[in-house]
C-alpha atoms as a PDB file:
ATOM      1  CA  MET A   1     -26.627 -51.101 -17.103  1.00  0.00           C
ATOM      2  CA  ALA A   2     -26.618 -48.757 -20.105  1.00  0.00           C
ATOM      3  CA  ALA A   3     -28.309 -45.983 -18.115  1.00  0.00           C
ATOM      4  CA  SER A   4     -25.633 -46.022 -15.437  1.00  0.00           C
ATOM      5  CA  ARG A   5     -22.908 -45.960 -18.061  1.00  0.00           C
ATOM      6  CA  GLU A   6     -24.493 -42.926 -19.763  1.00  0.00           C
ATOM      7  CA  ALA A   7     -24.995 -41.121 -16.454  1.00  0.00           C
ATOM      8  CA  GLY A   8     -21.289 -41.424 -15.661  1.00  0.00           C
ATOM      9  CA  TRP A   9     -20.099 -40.381 -19.113  1.00  0.00           C
ATOM     10  CA  LYS A  10     -19.105 -36.714 -19.299  1.00  0.00           C
ATOM     11  CA  GLY A  11     -18.059 -36.694 -22.944  1.00  0.00           C
ATOM     12  CA  ASN A  12     -15.170 -34.913 -24.570  1.00  0.00           C
ATOM     13  CA  LYS A  13     -16.401 -31.606 -25.943  1.00  0.00           C
ATOM     14  CA  ALA A  14     -12.919 -30.668 -27.151  1.00  0.00           C
ATOM     15  CA  THR A  15     -13.261 -33.174 -29.994  1.00  0.00           C
ATOM     16  CA  LEU A  16     -16.506 -31.677 -31.328  1.00  0.00           C
ATOM     17  CA  PRO A  17     -16.239 -29.617 -34.522  1.00  0.00           C
ATOM     18  CA  SER A  18     -16.564 -25.848 -34.266  1.00  0.00           C
ATOM     19  CA  LYS A  19     -16.750 -22.837 -36.573  1.00  0.00           C
ATOM     20  CA  PRO A  20     -17.065 -19.059 -36.136  1.00  0.00           C
ATOM     21  CA  CYS A  21     -20.381 -17.227 -36.129  1.00  0.00           C
ATOM     22  CA  VAL A  22     -20.833 -15.079 -39.249  1.00  0.00           C
ATOM     23  CA  ALA A  23     -22.207 -12.114 -37.283  1.00  0.00           C
ATOM     24  CA  CYS A  24     -20.062 -11.917 -34.134  1.00  0.00           C
ATOM     25  CA  GLY A  25     -17.103 -14.209 -34.904  1.00  0.00           C
ATOM     26  CA  ARG A  26     -17.413 -16.239 -31.699  1.00  0.00           C
ATOM     27  CA  PRO A  27     -16.624 -19.922 -32.044  1.00  0.00           C
ATOM     28  CA  MET A  28     -19.687 -22.141 -31.860  1.00  0.00           C
ATOM     29  CA  SER A  29     -19.339 -25.826 -31.232  1.00  0.00           C
ATOM     30  CA  TRP A  30     -21.437 -28.593 -32.718  1.00  0.00           C
ATOM     31  CA  ARG A  31     -24.763 -29.333 -31.049  1.00  0.00           C
ATOM     32  CA  ARG A  32     -26.957 -32.371 -31.446  1.00  0.00           C
ATOM     33  CA  ALA A  33     -29.827 -30.142 -32.596  1.00  0.00           C
ATOM     34  CA  TRP A  34     -27.641 -28.981 -35.500  1.00  0.00           C
ATOM     35  CA  ALA A  35     -26.570 -32.506 -36.525  1.00  0.00           C
ATOM     36  CA  LYS A  36     -28.703 -32.659 -39.672  1.00  0.00           C
ATOM     37  CA  ASN A  37     -27.823 -29.179 -40.952  1.00  0.00           C
ATOM     38  CA  TRP A  38     -24.390 -28.362 -39.464  1.00  0.00           C
ATOM     39  CA  ALA A  39     -23.135 -27.189 -42.872  1.00  0.00           C
ATOM     40  CA  ASP A  40     -25.962 -24.627 -43.050  1.00  0.00           C
ATOM     41  CA  VAL A  41     -25.570 -23.231 -39.517  1.00  0.00           C
ATOM     42  CA  LYS A  42     -24.157 -19.697 -39.696  1.00  0.00           C
ATOM     43  CA  TYR A  43     -25.237 -17.915 -36.512  1.00  0.00           C
ATOM     44  CA  CYS A  44     -24.659 -18.795 -32.878  1.00  0.00           C
ATOM     45  CA  SER A  45     -27.931 -17.292 -31.630  1.00  0.00           C
ATOM     46  CA  ASP A  46     -31.194 -15.631 -32.605  1.00  0.00           C
ATOM     47  CA  ALA A  47     -29.682 -12.270 -31.673  1.00  0.00           C
ATOM     48  CA  CYS A  48     -26.855 -12.746 -34.196  1.00  0.00           C
ATOM     49  CA  ARG A  49     -29.333 -13.924 -36.814  1.00  0.00           C
ATOM     50  CA  ARG A  50     -31.275 -10.659 -36.401  1.00  0.00           C
ATOM     51  CA  ARG A  51     -28.065  -8.633 -36.517  1.00  0.00           C
ATOM     52  CA  LYS A  52     -26.803 -10.261 -39.717  1.00  0.00           C
ATOM     53  CA  ALA A  53     -25.285  -8.087 -42.394  1.00  0.00           C
ATOM     54  CA  ALA A  54     -27.478  -7.151 -45.331  1.00  0.00           C
ATOM     55  CA  PRO A  55     -26.510  -8.873 -48.622  1.00  0.00           C
END
């Protein structure tokens, strides 16, 4: 029964936290892969990470 309940659940992505990318400024929303280090996530993609500003 749990599998059918999960298959029908769409979720509410509007309630997920978000923050802007340091490089491009686009908003990036929380992802499960970033759950353990959400505070340390700064870039929305590898391309933005490569384009980051020099310190």
